[in-house]
Amino acid sequence: MSSYDVIRDARQLQAGDHVSWPTEISAGIQHHAIMVAQRGGNVSKVIHARQSSMSERVSSASIATWLGFSRSNDEDEVDYIVVEDTIDFSQQLQNGELRRYRYQPNDCREPFEVIQSARQQIGRFSYNALTNNCEHFARLCKTGIRASYQADTAVVLGSSATVVAAAAAVTSASLKCLRIL
């Protein structure tokens, strides 16, 4: 089981922290990210795996076409990416829903290594609710080990509703928080 602290003030967050907040799909499903920097107030920069927006998909497809690559017609219509976003955590802080995960010092990387690992993964993300989701991403960056307690719980429960909610977690995460461009 994973232990965490509920964050009440964004100033408690530090670079390299593994954080999460509830998705719109289910209060039991968390969207996970790596903290990069404070931007002032409740605004923070994070790196996370999420569904790409239509403009990002068009831009990606345009660059691929320009470079001479083409997308196959049988690819999934939903693309996932790892990105560095600026997010306002005001709502999560107000509702007591922002979490910072606790790790033993010997079980995790140094903050600069966590951020370096996350930045190295920026780009296309092969999302799978049970084997490669946003929690897998964050824990891999933090510890070097790919793990997701949410996915493990979904498998143990065998609940299709939980699996569907987990699959939608990355999609709704960008809707739950205000992204500042």
C-alpha atoms as a PDB file:
ATOM      1  CA  MET A   1       0.000   0.000   0.000  1.00  0.00           C
ATOM      2  CA  SER A   2       1.143   3.506  -0.736  1.00  0.00           C
ATOM      3  CA  SER A   3       1.320   6.204   1.930  1.00  0.00           C
ATOM      4  CA  TYR A   4       0.750   9.865   1.212  1.00  0.00           C
ATOM      5  CA  ASP A   5       0.178  13.249   2.796  1.00  0.00           C
ATOM      6  CA  VAL A   6      -2.776  15.447   1.921  1.00  0.00           C
ATOM      7  CA  ILE A   7      -1.363  18.787   0.787  1.00  0.00           C
ATOM      8  CA  ARG A   8      -3.144  21.895   2.028  1.00  0.00           C
ATOM      9  CA  ASP A   9      -0.695  24.516   0.725  1.00  0.00           C
ATOM     10  CA  ALA A  10       1.150  24.371  -2.608  1.00  0.00           C
ATOM     11  CA  ARG A  11       4.286  25.656  -0.866  1.00  0.00           C
ATOM     12  CA  GLN A  12       4.576  22.192   0.724  1.00  0.00           C
ATOM     13  CA  LEU A  13       5.391  20.719  -2.697  1.00  0.00           C
ATOM     14  CA  GLN A  14       8.972  20.336  -3.858  1.00  0.00           C
ATOM     15  CA  ALA A  15      10.649  19.511  -7.148  1.00  0.00           C
ATOM     16  CA  GLY A  16      10.680  15.765  -7.707  1.00  0.00           C
ATOM     17  CA  ASP A  17       7.590  15.059  -5.599  1.00  0.00           C
ATOM     18  CA  HIS A  18       5.136  12.399  -6.807  1.00  0.00           C
ATOM     19  CA  VAL A  19       1.667  13.973  -6.546  1.00  0.00           C
ATOM     20  CA  SER A  20      -1.890  12.963  -7.436  1.00  0.00           C
ATOM     21  CA  TRP A  21      -5.446  14.278  -7.455  1.00  0.00           C
ATOM     22  CA  PRO A  22      -8.883  12.739  -8.164  1.00  0.00           C
ATOM     23  CA  THR A  23     -10.148  12.414 -11.698  1.00  0.00           C
ATOM     24  CA  GLU A  24     -13.631  13.473 -12.761  1.00  0.00           C
ATOM     25  CA  ILE A  25     -14.509   9.857 -13.606  1.00  0.00           C
ATOM     26  CA  SER A  26     -14.291   8.555 -10.041  1.00  0.00           C
ATOM     27  CA  ALA A  27     -13.166  10.009  -6.728  1.00  0.00           C
ATOM     28  CA  GLY A  28     -11.390   6.692  -6.131  1.00  0.00           C
ATOM     29  CA  ILE A  29      -9.169   7.065  -9.200  1.00  0.00           C
ATOM     30  CA  GLN A  30      -6.169   9.392  -8.920  1.00  0.00           C
ATOM     31  CA  HIS A  31      -4.211  11.114 -11.690  1.00  0.00           C
ATOM     32  CA  HIS A  32      -0.461  11.023 -10.951  1.00  0.00           C
ATOM     33  CA  ALA A  33       2.305  13.454 -11.901  1.00  0.00           C
ATOM     34  CA  ILE A  34       5.834  14.539 -11.044  1.00  0.00           C
ATOM     35  CA  MET A  35       6.284  18.000  -9.543  1.00  0.00           C
ATOM     36  CA  VAL A  36       8.801  20.163 -11.402  1.00  0.00           C
ATOM     37  CA  ALA A  37       8.515  23.664  -9.895  1.00  0.00           C
ATOM     38  CA  GLN A  38       6.323  26.165  -8.102  1.00  0.00           C
ATOM     39  CA  ARG A  39       5.090  29.004 -10.295  1.00  0.00           C
ATOM     40  CA  GLY A  40       3.572  31.071  -7.493  1.00  0.00           C
ATOM     41  CA  GLY A  41       0.358  30.772  -5.535  1.00  0.00           C
ATOM     42  CA  ASN A  42      -1.270  27.420  -6.251  1.00  0.00           C
ATOM     43  CA  VAL A  43       0.192  27.179  -9.742  1.00  0.00           C
ATOM     44  CA  SER A  44       2.793  24.491 -10.337  1.00  0.00           C
ATOM     45  CA  LYS A  45       4.641  22.929 -13.235  1.00  0.00           C
ATOM     46  CA  VAL A  46       4.306  19.135 -13.471  1.00  0.00           C
ATOM     47  CA  ILE A  47       5.214  16.364 -15.898  1.00  0.00           C
ATOM     48  CA  HIS A  48       2.515  13.766 -16.432  1.00  0.00           C
ATOM     49  CA  ALA A  49       1.109  11.226 -18.860  1.00  0.00           C
ATOM     50  CA  ARG A  50      -2.264  12.289 -20.232  1.00  0.00           C
ATOM     51  CA  GLN A  51      -4.485  12.142 -23.270  1.00  0.00           C
ATOM     52  CA  SER A  52      -3.280  14.520 -25.947  1.00  0.00           C
ATOM     53  CA  SER A  53      -5.520  17.349 -27.065  1.00  0.00           C
ATOM     54  CA  MET A  54      -6.776  17.582 -30.634  1.00  0.00           C
ATOM     55  CA  SER A  55      -4.329  20.410 -31.435  1.00  0.00           C
ATOM     56  CA  GLU A  56      -1.412  18.340 -30.122  1.00  0.00           C
ATOM     57  CA  ARG A  57      -2.558  15.393 -32.257  1.00  0.00           C
ATOM     58  CA  VAL A  58      -2.860  17.570 -35.356  1.00  0.00           C
ATOM     59  CA  SER A  59       0.509  19.166 -34.697  1.00  0.00           C
ATOM     60  CA  SER A  60       2.131  15.764 -34.156  1.00  0.00           C
ATOM     61  CA  ALA A  61       0.529  14.354 -37.302  1.00  0.00           C
ATOM     62  CA  SER A  62       1.615  17.409 -39.317  1.00  0.00           C
ATOM     63  CA  ILE A  63       5.228  17.092 -38.187  1.00  0.00           C
ATOM     64  CA  ALA A  64       5.209  13.345 -38.913  1.00  0.00           C
ATOM     65  CA  THR A  65       3.798  13.966 -42.399  1.00  0.00           C
ATOM     66  CA  TRP A  66       6.347  16.717 -43.058  1.00  0.00           C
ATOM     67  CA  LEU A  67       9.149  14.334 -42.011  1.00  0.00           C
ATOM     68  CA  GLY A  68       7.795  11.677 -44.376  1.00  0.00           C
ATOM     69  CA  PHE A  69       6.151   9.424 -41.803  1.00  0.00           C
ATOM     70  CA  SER A  70       2.487   8.589 -42.022  1.00  0.00           C
ATOM     71  CA  ARG A  71       0.118   7.269 -39.397  1.00  0.00           C
ATOM     72  CA  SER A  72      -1.554   3.972 -40.145  1.00  0.00           C
ATOM     73  CA  ASN A  73      -5.331   3.997 -40.343  1.00  0.00           C
ATOM     74  CA  ASP A  74      -5.630   1.189 -37.794  1.00  0.00           C
ATOM     75  CA  GLU A  75      -4.056   3.147 -34.916  1.00  0.00           C
ATOM     76  CA  ASP A  76      -6.226   4.035 -31.951  1.00  0.00           C
ATOM     77  CA  GLU A  77      -7.869   7.438 -32.274  1.00  0.00           C
ATOM     78  CA  VAL A  78      -6.906   8.312 -28.702  1.00  0.00           C
ATOM     79  CA  ASP A  79      -3.275   9.326 -28.283  1.00  0.00           C
ATOM     80  CA  TYR A  80      -1.482   9.686 -24.980  1.00  0.00           C
ATOM     81  CA  ILE A  81       1.553  11.817 -24.297  1.00  0.00           C
ATOM     82  CA  VAL A  82       3.940  12.754 -21.523  1.00  0.00           C
ATOM     83  CA  VAL A  83       4.049  16.540 -21.227  1.00  0.00           C
ATOM     84  CA  GLU A  84       5.242  19.308 -18.956  1.00  0.00           C
ATOM     85  CA  ASP A  85       2.167  21.372 -18.021  1.00  0.00           C
ATOM     86  CA  THR A  86       1.503  24.326 -15.756  1.00  0.00           C
ATOM     87  CA  ILE A  87      -1.478  23.511 -13.543  1.00  0.00           C
ATOM     88  CA  ASP A  88      -3.490  25.501 -11.020  1.00  0.00           C
ATOM     89  CA  PHE A  89      -4.082  23.278  -7.973  1.00  0.00           C
ATOM     90  CA  SER A  90      -6.491  25.717  -6.270  1.00  0.00           C
ATOM     91  CA  GLN A  91      -9.519  23.413  -6.426  1.00  0.00           C
ATOM     92  CA  GLN A  92      -7.613  20.332  -5.257  1.00  0.00           C
ATOM     93  CA  LEU A  93      -6.042  22.261  -2.356  1.00  0.00           C
ATOM     94  CA  GLN A  94      -9.396  23.749  -1.343  1.00  0.00           C
ATOM     95  CA  ASN A  95     -11.031  20.302  -1.324  1.00  0.00           C
ATOM     96  CA  GLY A  96      -8.088  18.584   0.404  1.00  0.00           C
ATOM     97  CA  GLU A  97      -7.589  16.324  -2.607  1.00  0.00           C
ATOM     98  CA  LEU A  98      -3.971  16.926  -3.564  1.00  0.00           C
ATOM     99  CA  ARG A  99      -1.659  14.135  -2.405  1.00  0.00           C
ATOM    100  CA  ARG A 100       2.121  13.866  -2.097  1.00  0.00           C
ATOM    101  CA  TYR A 101       3.422  10.313  -1.846  1.00  0.00           C
ATOM    102  CA  ARG A 102       5.927   9.304   0.834  1.00  0.00           C
ATOM    103  CA  TYR A 103       8.960   7.207  -0.024  1.00  0.00           C
ATOM    104  CA  GLN A 104      11.825   5.948   2.089  1.00  0.00           C
ATOM    105  CA  PRO A 105      14.992   7.856   1.087  1.00  0.00           C
ATOM    106  CA  ASN A 106      16.714   4.654  -0.051  1.00  0.00           C
ATOM    107  CA  ASP A 107      13.684   3.712  -2.184  1.00  0.00           C
ATOM    108  CA  CYS A 108      13.641   6.779  -4.421  1.00  0.00           C
ATOM    109  CA  ARG A 109      15.816   8.871  -6.660  1.00  0.00           C
ATOM    110  CA  GLU A 110      17.144  12.338  -5.903  1.00  0.00           C
ATOM    111  CA  PRO A 111      14.774  15.139  -7.058  1.00  0.00           C
ATOM    112  CA  PHE A 112      16.943  16.150 -10.037  1.00  0.00           C
ATOM    113  CA  GLU A 113      17.046  12.487 -11.162  1.00  0.00           C
ATOM    114  CA  VAL A 114      13.248  12.183 -10.851  1.00  0.00           C
ATOM    115  CA  ILE A 115      12.723  15.243 -13.049  1.00  0.00           C
ATOM    116  CA  GLN A 116      15.420  14.145 -15.498  1.00  0.00           C
ATOM    117  CA  SER A 117      13.732  10.737 -15.816  1.00  0.00           C
ATOM    118  CA  ALA A 118      10.343  12.384 -16.410  1.00  0.00           C
ATOM    119  CA  ARG A 119      11.710  14.805 -19.008  1.00  0.00           C
ATOM    120  CA  GLN A 120      13.407  11.970 -20.883  1.00  0.00           C
ATOM    121  CA  GLN A 121       9.970  10.428 -21.405  1.00  0.00           C
ATOM    122  CA  ILE A 122       8.271  13.538 -22.833  1.00  0.00           C
ATOM    123  CA  GLY A 123       6.470  12.623 -26.032  1.00  0.00           C
ATOM    124  CA  ARG A 124       4.195   9.821 -27.129  1.00  0.00           C
ATOM    125  CA  PHE A 125       3.053   7.461 -24.335  1.00  0.00           C
ATOM    126  CA  SER A 126       1.860   3.878 -24.840  1.00  0.00           C
ATOM    127  CA  TYR A 127      -1.009   4.029 -22.354  1.00  0.00           C
ATOM    128  CA  ASN A 128      -2.570   0.883 -20.919  1.00  0.00           C
ATOM    129  CA  ALA A 129      -4.807   1.121 -17.846  1.00  0.00           C
ATOM    130  CA  LEU A 130      -3.359  -2.002 -16.237  1.00  0.00           C
ATOM    131  CA  THR A 131       0.284  -2.004 -17.340  1.00  0.00           C
ATOM    132  CA  ASN A 132       1.323   1.562 -18.260  1.00  0.00           C
ATOM    133  CA  ASN A 133      -0.800   4.354 -16.804  1.00  0.00           C
ATOM    134  CA  CYS A 134      -0.030   7.726 -15.212  1.00  0.00           C
ATOM    135  CA  GLU A 135       0.772   6.101 -11.849  1.00  0.00           C
ATOM    136  CA  HIS A 136       3.191   3.651 -13.496  1.00  0.00           C
ATOM    137  CA  PHE A 137       4.850   6.686 -15.113  1.00  0.00           C
ATOM    138  CA  ALA A 138       5.171   8.681 -11.856  1.00  0.00           C
ATOM    139  CA  ARG A 139       6.436   5.751  -9.776  1.00  0.00           C
ATOM    140  CA  LEU A 140       8.936   4.772 -12.480  1.00  0.00           C
ATOM    141  CA  CYS A 141      10.322   8.317 -12.490  1.00  0.00           C
ATOM    142  CA  LYS A 142      10.456   8.445  -8.670  1.00  0.00           C
ATOM    143  CA  THR A 143      11.839   4.972  -7.926  1.00  0.00           C
ATOM    144  CA  GLY A 144      12.964   3.352 -11.169  1.00  0.00           C
ATOM    145  CA  ILE A 145      10.261   0.708 -10.670  1.00  0.00           C
ATOM    146  CA  ARG A 146       7.089   0.626 -12.800  1.00  0.00           C
ATOM    147  CA  ALA A 147       4.169   0.124 -10.382  1.00  0.00           C
ATOM    148  CA  SER A 148       0.525   1.132 -10.015  1.00  0.00           C
ATOM    149  CA  TYR A 149      -1.446   0.353  -6.881  1.00  0.00           C
ATOM    150  CA  GLN A 150      -4.642   1.462  -8.654  1.00  0.00           C
ATOM    151  CA  ALA A 151      -4.082  -1.052 -11.452  1.00  0.00           C
ATOM    152  CA  ASP A 152      -3.184  -3.799  -8.955  1.00  0.00           C
ATOM    153  CA  THR A 153      -6.392  -3.091  -7.039  1.00  0.00           C
ATOM    154  CA  ALA A 154      -8.443  -3.188 -10.253  1.00  0.00           C
ATOM    155  CA  VAL A 155      -6.991  -6.594 -11.143  1.00  0.00           C
ATOM    156  CA  VAL A 156      -7.627  -7.981  -7.648  1.00  0.00           C
ATOM    157  CA  LEU A 157     -11.190  -6.691  -7.614  1.00  0.00           C
ATOM    158  CA  GLY A 158     -11.771  -7.851 -11.161  1.00  0.00           C
ATOM    159  CA  SER A 159     -14.268  -5.040 -11.530  1.00  0.00           C
ATOM    160  CA  SER A 160     -14.804  -3.957 -15.119  1.00  0.00           C
ATOM    161  CA  ALA A 161     -16.143  -0.627 -13.852  1.00  0.00           C
ATOM    162  CA  THR A 162     -12.883   0.004 -11.986  1.00  0.00           C
ATOM    163  CA  VAL A 163     -10.841  -0.937 -15.044  1.00  0.00           C
ATOM    164  CA  VAL A 164     -12.909   1.380 -17.263  1.00  0.00           C
ATOM    165  CA  ALA A 165     -12.535   4.199 -14.730  1.00  0.00           C
ATOM    166  CA  ALA A 166      -8.777   3.647 -14.561  1.00  0.00           C
ATOM    167  CA  ALA A 167      -8.574   3.722 -18.354  1.00  0.00           C
ATOM    168  CA  ALA A 168     -10.355   7.057 -18.361  1.00  0.00           C
ATOM    169  CA  ALA A 169      -8.241   8.555 -15.558  1.00  0.00           C
ATOM    170  CA  VAL A 170      -5.635  10.129 -17.837  1.00  0.00           C
ATOM    171  CA  THR A 171      -8.361  11.470 -20.138  1.00  0.00           C
ATOM    172  CA  SER A 172     -10.241  13.296 -17.423  1.00  0.00           C
ATOM    173  CA  ALA A 173      -7.198  14.519 -15.541  1.00  0.00           C
ATOM    174  CA  SER A 174      -6.628  17.374 -17.948  1.00  0.00           C
ATOM    175  CA  LEU A 175     -10.299  18.338 -17.600  1.00  0.00           C
ATOM    176  CA  LYS A 176     -10.184  18.302 -13.784  1.00  0.00           C
ATOM    177  CA  CYS A 177      -7.418  20.870 -13.507  1.00  0.00           C
ATOM    178  CA  LEU A 178      -6.976  24.193 -15.216  1.00  0.00           C
ATOM    179  CA  ARG A 179      -4.033  24.101 -17.566  1.00  0.00           C
ATOM    180  CA  ILE A 180      -2.395  27.448 -18.073  1.00  0.00           C
ATOM    181  CA  LEU A 181      -0.677  27.906 -21.410  1.00  0.00           C
END
